[in-house]
Amino acid sequence: MRVVGLTGGIATGKSTFSAALRAAGAPVIDADLLARQVVEPGRPELEAVVAAFGEEVRAPDGGLDRRKLGARVFADPAARQRLEAILHPAVRRAVLAESARLSAQGHALAIYDVPLLFEVGLDQELDCTVLVYAPSAVALARILARDRLSRAEAEARVAAQLQIDAKAARADVVVLNEGTVEQLEVKAGRLLADLRAGLSRKLPNGPPKRY
């Protein structure tokens, strides 16, 4: 089974594009969903996160207070690395299990939706990488419009990830998202058809295919 990596930057529209691919019939392995599952109450990864960052990141329901944890890790690269060291091995095991399940069902292609694809070096392990792209200024405006964050918090979240233009230089496919949701859905259908027809990696140092 071919596994195609899908990534983006914060507020570039990756989740919307991922949903469009799923609606078009592609199975999607959602790294964020798996990351939430591995820190559910009772999981050892949750206790490891609490031990590393303090009881204040535990929510009243016994789960993880993502807002408090996010405020810590997005402002502190060392803290983010500690968190990734706890979560990434567990998420990786979950991804492998889900890939095996989909392959056993006869799927020839799956989309792996992962925010930090390039940051953690997954790009060389996948058949092809797709980046949903929006300029940083557009992404920042979207964050301020949708989230309850100050401008400083929003800028810290943008800065916490590899810059979007650096990701674009490494991606095999770049999907520009500055238009409507409907336009993005059309691009999802075109990309999925091309992937099923055999679209793969770009040539070394070559330009990405653009949609």
C-alpha atoms as a PDB file:
ATOM      1  CA  MET A   1       0.000   0.000   0.000  1.00  0.00           C
ATOM      2  CA  ARG A   2       1.281   3.467  -0.907  1.00  0.00           C
ATOM      3  CA  VAL A   3       1.214   5.977   1.946  1.00  0.00           C
ATOM      4  CA  VAL A   4       1.152   9.648   0.933  1.00  0.00           C
ATOM      5  CA  GLY A   5       2.018  12.266   3.533  1.00  0.00           C
ATOM      6  CA  LEU A   6      -0.239  15.301   3.869  1.00  0.00           C
ATOM      7  CA  THR A   7       0.908  18.316   5.828  1.00  0.00           C
ATOM      8  CA  GLY A   8       0.586  22.088   6.026  1.00  0.00           C
ATOM      9  CA  GLY A   9       1.221  24.937   8.371  1.00  0.00           C
ATOM     10  CA  ILE A  10      -1.075  26.220  11.074  1.00  0.00           C
ATOM     11  CA  ALA A  11      -4.227  27.668   9.452  1.00  0.00           C
ATOM     12  CA  THR A  12      -3.217  26.772   5.901  1.00  0.00           C
ATOM     13  CA  GLY A  13      -6.275  24.536   5.421  1.00  0.00           C
ATOM     14  CA  LYS A  14      -4.753  21.078   5.801  1.00  0.00           C
ATOM     15  CA  SER A  15      -7.662  19.713   7.831  1.00  0.00           C
ATOM     16  CA  THR A  16     -10.194  20.988   5.285  1.00  0.00           C
ATOM     17  CA  PHE A  17      -8.198  19.411   2.453  1.00  0.00           C
ATOM     18  CA  SER A  18      -7.850  16.161   4.387  1.00  0.00           C
ATOM     19  CA  ALA A  19     -11.621  16.037   4.891  1.00  0.00           C
ATOM     20  CA  ALA A  20     -12.126  16.621   1.160  1.00  0.00           C
ATOM     21  CA  LEU A  21      -9.796  13.733   0.313  1.00  0.00           C
ATOM     22  CA  ARG A  22     -11.684  11.502   2.750  1.00  0.00           C
ATOM     23  CA  ALA A  23     -15.011  12.542   1.205  1.00  0.00           C
ATOM     24  CA  ALA A  24     -13.589  11.671  -2.222  1.00  0.00           C
ATOM     25  CA  GLY A  25     -12.909   8.132  -1.034  1.00  0.00           C
ATOM     26  CA  ALA A  26      -9.325   8.142   0.248  1.00  0.00           C
ATOM     27  CA  PRO A  27      -8.654   6.471   3.606  1.00  0.00           C
ATOM     28  CA  VAL A  28      -6.990   9.007   5.917  1.00  0.00           C
ATOM     29  CA  ILE A  29      -4.714   8.186   8.846  1.00  0.00           C
ATOM     30  CA  ASP A  30      -5.061  11.189  11.158  1.00  0.00           C
ATOM     31  CA  ALA A  31      -1.955  11.791  13.298  1.00  0.00           C
ATOM     32  CA  ASP A  32      -3.744  14.378  15.468  1.00  0.00           C
ATOM     33  CA  LEU A  33      -6.544  11.928  16.255  1.00  0.00           C
ATOM     34  CA  LEU A  34      -4.045   9.218  17.152  1.00  0.00           C
ATOM     35  CA  ALA A  35      -2.096  11.706  19.291  1.00  0.00           C
ATOM     36  CA  ARG A  36      -5.284  12.495  21.221  1.00  0.00           C
ATOM     37  CA  GLN A  37      -6.011   8.816  21.708  1.00  0.00           C
ATOM     38  CA  VAL A  38      -2.594   8.035  23.166  1.00  0.00           C
ATOM     39  CA  VAL A  39      -3.106  10.585  25.979  1.00  0.00           C
ATOM     40  CA  GLU A  40      -6.607   9.497  26.974  1.00  0.00           C
ATOM     41  CA  PRO A  41      -7.136   8.898  30.716  1.00  0.00           C
ATOM     42  CA  GLY A  42      -5.419   5.731  31.815  1.00  0.00           C
ATOM     43  CA  ARG A  43      -2.762   5.787  29.099  1.00  0.00           C
ATOM     44  CA  PRO A  44       0.874   5.758  30.271  1.00  0.00           C
ATOM     45  CA  GLU A  45       1.703   8.531  27.804  1.00  0.00           C
ATOM     46  CA  LEU A  46      -0.689  10.877  29.625  1.00  0.00           C
ATOM     47  CA  GLU A  47       1.039  10.193  32.926  1.00  0.00           C
ATOM     48  CA  ALA A  48       4.413  10.791  31.289  1.00  0.00           C
ATOM     49  CA  VAL A  49       3.224  14.171  29.961  1.00  0.00           C
ATOM     50  CA  VAL A  50       1.887  15.164  33.393  1.00  0.00           C
ATOM     51  CA  ALA A  51       5.144  14.071  35.027  1.00  0.00           C
ATOM     52  CA  ALA A  52       7.112  16.200  32.550  1.00  0.00           C
ATOM     53  CA  PHE A  53       4.935  19.332  32.629  1.00  0.00           C
ATOM     54  CA  GLY A  54       3.095  19.273  35.947  1.00  0.00           C
ATOM     55  CA  GLU A  55      -0.407  18.534  37.200  1.00  0.00           C
ATOM     56  CA  GLU A  56      -1.664  21.838  35.777  1.00  0.00           C
ATOM     57  CA  VAL A  57      -1.786  20.272  32.303  1.00  0.00           C
ATOM     58  CA  ARG A  58      -4.257  17.659  33.520  1.00  0.00           C
ATOM     59  CA  ALA A  59      -7.865  18.647  32.743  1.00  0.00           C
ATOM     60  CA  PRO A  60     -10.646  18.415  35.356  1.00  0.00           C
ATOM     61  CA  ASP A  61     -12.015  15.320  33.597  1.00  0.00           C
ATOM     62  CA  GLY A  62      -8.688  13.547  34.042  1.00  0.00           C
ATOM     63  CA  GLY A  63      -7.565  14.013  30.443  1.00  0.00           C
ATOM     64  CA  LEU A  64      -5.102  16.481  28.996  1.00  0.00           C
ATOM     65  CA  ASP A  65      -5.668  20.246  29.069  1.00  0.00           C
ATOM     66  CA  ARG A  66      -4.425  20.943  25.553  1.00  0.00           C
ATOM     67  CA  ARG A  67      -4.713  24.708  25.809  1.00  0.00           C
ATOM     68  CA  LYS A  68      -2.460  24.890  28.871  1.00  0.00           C
ATOM     69  CA  LEU A  69       0.003  22.415  27.415  1.00  0.00           C
ATOM     70  CA  GLY A  70       0.019  24.250  24.085  1.00  0.00           C
ATOM     71  CA  ALA A  71       0.838  27.546  25.790  1.00  0.00           C
ATOM     72  CA  ARG A  72       3.877  25.851  27.318  1.00  0.00           C
ATOM     73  CA  VAL A  73       5.286  24.024  24.338  1.00  0.00           C
ATOM     74  CA  PHE A  74       4.670  26.538  21.553  1.00  0.00           C
ATOM     75  CA  ALA A  75       6.686  29.153  23.431  1.00  0.00           C
ATOM     76  CA  ASP A  76       9.543  26.816  24.391  1.00  0.00           C
ATOM     77  CA  PRO A  77      11.344  24.675  21.773  1.00  0.00           C
ATOM     78  CA  ALA A  78      12.979  22.528  24.471  1.00  0.00           C
ATOM     79  CA  ALA A  79       9.588  21.810  26.047  1.00  0.00           C
ATOM     80  CA  ARG A  80       8.178  20.943  22.628  1.00  0.00           C
ATOM     81  CA  GLN A  81      11.003  18.465  22.084  1.00  0.00           C
ATOM     82  CA  ARG A  82      10.291  16.822  25.461  1.00  0.00           C
ATOM     83  CA  LEU A  83       6.649  16.439  24.509  1.00  0.00           C
ATOM     84  CA  GLU A  84       7.496  15.002  21.088  1.00  0.00           C
ATOM     85  CA  ALA A  85       9.864  12.488  22.675  1.00  0.00           C
ATOM     86  CA  ILE A  86       6.956  11.202  24.767  1.00  0.00           C
ATOM     87  CA  LEU A  87       4.252  11.155  22.103  1.00  0.00           C
ATOM     88  CA  HIS A  88       5.928  10.386  18.786  1.00  0.00           C
ATOM     89  CA  PRO A  89       6.893   6.754  19.499  1.00  0.00           C
ATOM     90  CA  ALA A  90       3.337   5.937  20.608  1.00  0.00           C
ATOM     91  CA  VAL A  91       1.803   7.710  17.612  1.00  0.00           C
ATOM     92  CA  ARG A  92       4.204   5.927  15.279  1.00  0.00           C
ATOM     93  CA  ARG A  93       3.116   2.542  16.627  1.00  0.00           C
ATOM     94  CA  ALA A  94      -0.519   3.515  16.150  1.00  0.00           C
ATOM     95  CA  VAL A  95       0.146   4.660  12.563  1.00  0.00           C
ATOM     96  CA  LEU A  96       1.848   1.378  11.694  1.00  0.00           C
ATOM     97  CA  ALA A  97      -1.079  -0.565  13.116  1.00  0.00           C
ATOM     98  CA  GLU A  98      -3.617   1.488  11.157  1.00  0.00           C
ATOM     99  CA  SER A  99      -1.563   1.170   7.945  1.00  0.00           C
ATOM    100  CA  ALA A 100      -1.491  -2.603   8.354  1.00  0.00           C
ATOM    101  CA  ARG A 101      -5.251  -2.661   8.920  1.00  0.00           C
ATOM    102  CA  LEU A 102      -5.974  -0.635   5.773  1.00  0.00           C
ATOM    103  CA  SER A 103      -3.576  -2.716   3.696  1.00  0.00           C
ATOM    104  CA  ALA A 104      -5.258  -5.906   4.890  1.00  0.00           C
ATOM    105  CA  GLN A 105      -8.587  -4.456   3.732  1.00  0.00           C
ATOM    106  CA  GLY A 106      -7.158  -4.152   0.219  1.00  0.00           C
ATOM    107  CA  HIS A 107      -6.505  -0.419   0.004  1.00  0.00           C
ATOM    108  CA  ALA A 108      -3.801   0.524  -2.507  1.00  0.00           C
ATOM    109  CA  LEU A 109      -3.414   4.101  -1.224  1.00  0.00           C
ATOM    110  CA  ALA A 110      -3.751   5.884   2.116  1.00  0.00           C
ATOM    111  CA  ILE A 111      -3.249   9.508   3.143  1.00  0.00           C
ATOM    112  CA  TYR A 112      -1.211  10.147   6.297  1.00  0.00           C
ATOM    113  CA  ASP A 113      -2.355  13.519   7.676  1.00  0.00           C
ATOM    114  CA  VAL A 114       0.480  14.750   9.923  1.00  0.00           C
ATOM    115  CA  PRO A 115       1.192  18.374  10.964  1.00  0.00           C
ATOM    116  CA  LEU A 116       4.929  18.000  11.668  1.00  0.00           C
ATOM    117  CA  LEU A 117       5.822  15.766   8.742  1.00  0.00           C
ATOM    118  CA  PHE A 118       9.017  17.571   7.749  1.00  0.00           C
ATOM    119  CA  GLU A 119       9.941  18.620  11.285  1.00  0.00           C
ATOM    120  CA  VAL A 120      10.259  14.990  12.434  1.00  0.00           C
ATOM    121  CA  GLY A 121      11.839  13.691   9.230  1.00  0.00           C
ATOM    122  CA  LEU A 122       8.976  11.569   7.948  1.00  0.00           C
ATOM    123  CA  ASP A 123       9.220  12.814   4.364  1.00  0.00           C
ATOM    124  CA  GLN A 124      11.782  10.202   3.320  1.00  0.00           C
ATOM    125  CA  GLU A 125       9.674   7.353   4.713  1.00  0.00           C
ATOM    126  CA  LEU A 126       6.612   8.122   2.578  1.00  0.00           C
ATOM    127  CA  ASP A 127       5.815   7.548  -1.077  1.00  0.00           C
ATOM    128  CA  CYS A 128       5.026  11.201  -1.746  1.00  0.00           C
ATOM    129  CA  THR A 129       4.512  14.398   0.277  1.00  0.00           C
ATOM    130  CA  VAL A 130       1.706  16.928  -0.200  1.00  0.00           C
ATOM    131  CA  LEU A 131       1.746  20.400   1.360  1.00  0.00           C
ATOM    132  CA  VAL A 132      -1.348  22.578   1.708  1.00  0.00           C
ATOM    133  CA  TYR A 133       0.082  26.074   1.377  1.00  0.00           C
ATOM    134  CA  ALA A 134      -1.052  29.553   2.374  1.00  0.00           C
ATOM    135  CA  PRO A 135       1.291  32.545   2.839  1.00  0.00           C
ATOM    136  CA  SER A 136       2.239  33.241   6.458  1.00  0.00           C
ATOM    137  CA  ALA A 137       0.311  36.538   6.520  1.00  0.00           C
ATOM    138  CA  VAL A 138      -2.858  34.764   5.359  1.00  0.00           C
ATOM    139  CA  ALA A 139      -2.407  32.016   7.960  1.00  0.00           C
ATOM    140  CA  LEU A 140      -1.862  34.542  10.749  1.00  0.00           C
ATOM    141  CA  ALA A 141      -5.042  36.425   9.809  1.00  0.00           C
ATOM    142  CA  ARG A 142      -6.988  33.151   9.887  1.00  0.00           C
ATOM    143  CA  ILE A 143      -5.647  32.260  13.339  1.00  0.00           C
ATOM    144  CA  LEU A 144      -6.603  35.646  14.764  1.00  0.00           C
ATOM    145  CA  ALA A 145     -10.086  35.347  13.259  1.00  0.00           C
ATOM    146  CA  ARG A 146     -10.869  31.835  14.485  1.00  0.00           C
ATOM    147  CA  ASP A 147      -8.941  31.286  17.750  1.00  0.00           C
ATOM    148  CA  ARG A 148      -9.021  32.964  21.125  1.00  0.00           C
ATOM    149  CA  LEU A 149      -5.356  33.910  20.962  1.00  0.00           C
ATOM    150  CA  SER A 150      -3.451  37.140  21.285  1.00  0.00           C
ATOM    151  CA  ARG A 151      -1.369  38.260  18.324  1.00  0.00           C
ATOM    152  CA  ALA A 152       1.780  37.248  20.234  1.00  0.00           C
ATOM    153  CA  GLU A 153       0.379  33.752  20.867  1.00  0.00           C
ATOM    154  CA  ALA A 154      -0.654  33.402  17.235  1.00  0.00           C
ATOM    155  CA  GLU A 155       2.767  34.499  16.001  1.00  0.00           C
ATOM    156  CA  ALA A 156       4.438  32.053  18.402  1.00  0.00           C
ATOM    157  CA  ARG A 157       2.409  29.183  16.956  1.00  0.00           C
ATOM    158  CA  VAL A 158       3.348  30.118  13.407  1.00  0.00           C
ATOM    159  CA  ALA A 159       7.010  30.441  14.425  1.00  0.00           C
ATOM    160  CA  ALA A 160       6.981  27.089  16.250  1.00  0.00           C
ATOM    161  CA  GLN A 161       6.692  25.183  12.986  1.00  0.00           C
ATOM    162  CA  LEU A 162       9.124  24.977  10.111  1.00  0.00           C
ATOM    163  CA  GLN A 163       8.342  27.993   7.938  1.00  0.00           C
ATOM    164  CA  ILE A 164       5.833  27.295   5.203  1.00  0.00           C
ATOM    165  CA  ASP A 165       8.143  28.289   2.337  1.00  0.00           C
ATOM    166  CA  ALA A 166      10.808  25.894   3.608  1.00  0.00           C
ATOM    167  CA  LYS A 167       8.197  23.129   3.614  1.00  0.00           C
ATOM    168  CA  ALA A 168       7.150  24.041   0.079  1.00  0.00           C
ATOM    169  CA  ALA A 169      10.725  23.625  -1.118  1.00  0.00           C
ATOM    170  CA  ARG A 170      10.796  20.061   0.243  1.00  0.00           C
ATOM    171  CA  ALA A 171       7.309  18.903  -0.753  1.00  0.00           C
ATOM    172  CA  ASP A 172       6.580  16.822  -3.840  1.00  0.00           C
ATOM    173  CA  VAL A 173       3.195  18.505  -4.291  1.00  0.00           C
ATOM    174  CA  VAL A 174       2.042  21.989  -3.206  1.00  0.00           C
ATOM    175  CA  VAL A 175      -1.676  22.790  -3.023  1.00  0.00           C
ATOM    176  CA  LEU A 176      -2.293  26.545  -2.886  1.00  0.00           C
ATOM    177  CA  ASN A 177      -5.174  27.481  -0.590  1.00  0.00           C
ATOM    178  CA  GLU A 178      -6.079  31.150  -0.866  1.00  0.00           C
ATOM    179  CA  GLY A 179      -9.564  30.671  -2.329  1.00  0.00           C
ATOM    180  CA  THR A 180     -12.847  29.086  -1.274  1.00  0.00           C
ATOM    181  CA  VAL A 181     -13.531  25.727   0.314  1.00  0.00           C
ATOM    182  CA  GLU A 182     -15.217  24.654  -2.920  1.00  0.00           C
ATOM    183  CA  GLN A 183     -12.062  25.428  -4.895  1.00  0.00           C
ATOM    184  CA  LEU A 184     -10.012  23.421  -2.420  1.00  0.00           C
ATOM    185  CA  GLU A 185     -12.390  20.468  -2.755  1.00  0.00           C
ATOM    186  CA  VAL A 186     -11.927  20.513  -6.541  1.00  0.00           C
ATOM    187  CA  LYS A 187      -8.163  20.417  -6.034  1.00  0.00           C
ATOM    188  CA  ALA A 188      -8.554  17.455  -3.670  1.00  0.00           C
ATOM    189  CA  GLY A 189     -10.401  15.499  -6.326  1.00  0.00           C
ATOM    190  CA  ARG A 190      -7.781  16.293  -8.958  1.00  0.00           C
ATOM    191  CA  LEU A 191      -4.917  15.335  -6.663  1.00  0.00           C
ATOM    192  CA  LEU A 192      -6.530  12.059  -5.612  1.00  0.00           C
ATOM    193  CA  ALA A 193      -7.095  11.096  -9.256  1.00  0.00           C
ATOM    194  CA  ASP A 194      -3.447  11.852 -10.019  1.00  0.00           C
ATOM    195  CA  LEU A 195      -2.222   9.873  -6.996  1.00  0.00           C
ATOM    196  CA  ARG A 196      -4.298   6.878  -8.043  1.00  0.00           C
ATOM    197  CA  ALA A 197      -2.817   7.217 -11.532  1.00  0.00           C
ATOM    198  CA  GLY A 198       0.701   6.991 -10.115  1.00  0.00           C
ATOM    199  CA  LEU A 199       1.819  10.510  -9.126  1.00  0.00           C
ATOM    200  CA  SER A 200       4.940  10.097  -6.995  1.00  0.00           C
ATOM    201  CA  ARG A 201       8.038  11.969  -5.895  1.00  0.00           C
ATOM    202  CA  LYS A 202       9.461  14.939  -7.744  1.00  0.00           C
ATOM    203  CA  LEU A 203      12.976  14.711  -9.169  1.00  0.00           C
ATOM    204  CA  PRO A 204      15.726  15.588  -6.673  1.00  0.00           C
ATOM    205  CA  ASN A 205      15.953  19.387  -6.334  1.00  0.00           C
ATOM    206  CA  GLY A 206      13.135  19.753  -8.864  1.00  0.00           C
ATOM    207  CA  PRO A 207      10.087  21.975  -8.414  1.00  0.00           C
ATOM    208  CA  PRO A 208       6.983  20.497  -6.768  1.00  0.00           C
ATOM    209  CA  LYS A 209       3.851  19.796  -8.743  1.00  0.00           C
ATOM    210  CA  ARG A 210       1.327  22.560  -8.002  1.00  0.00           C
ATOM    211  CA  TYR A 211      -2.446  22.583  -7.725  1.00  0.00           C
END
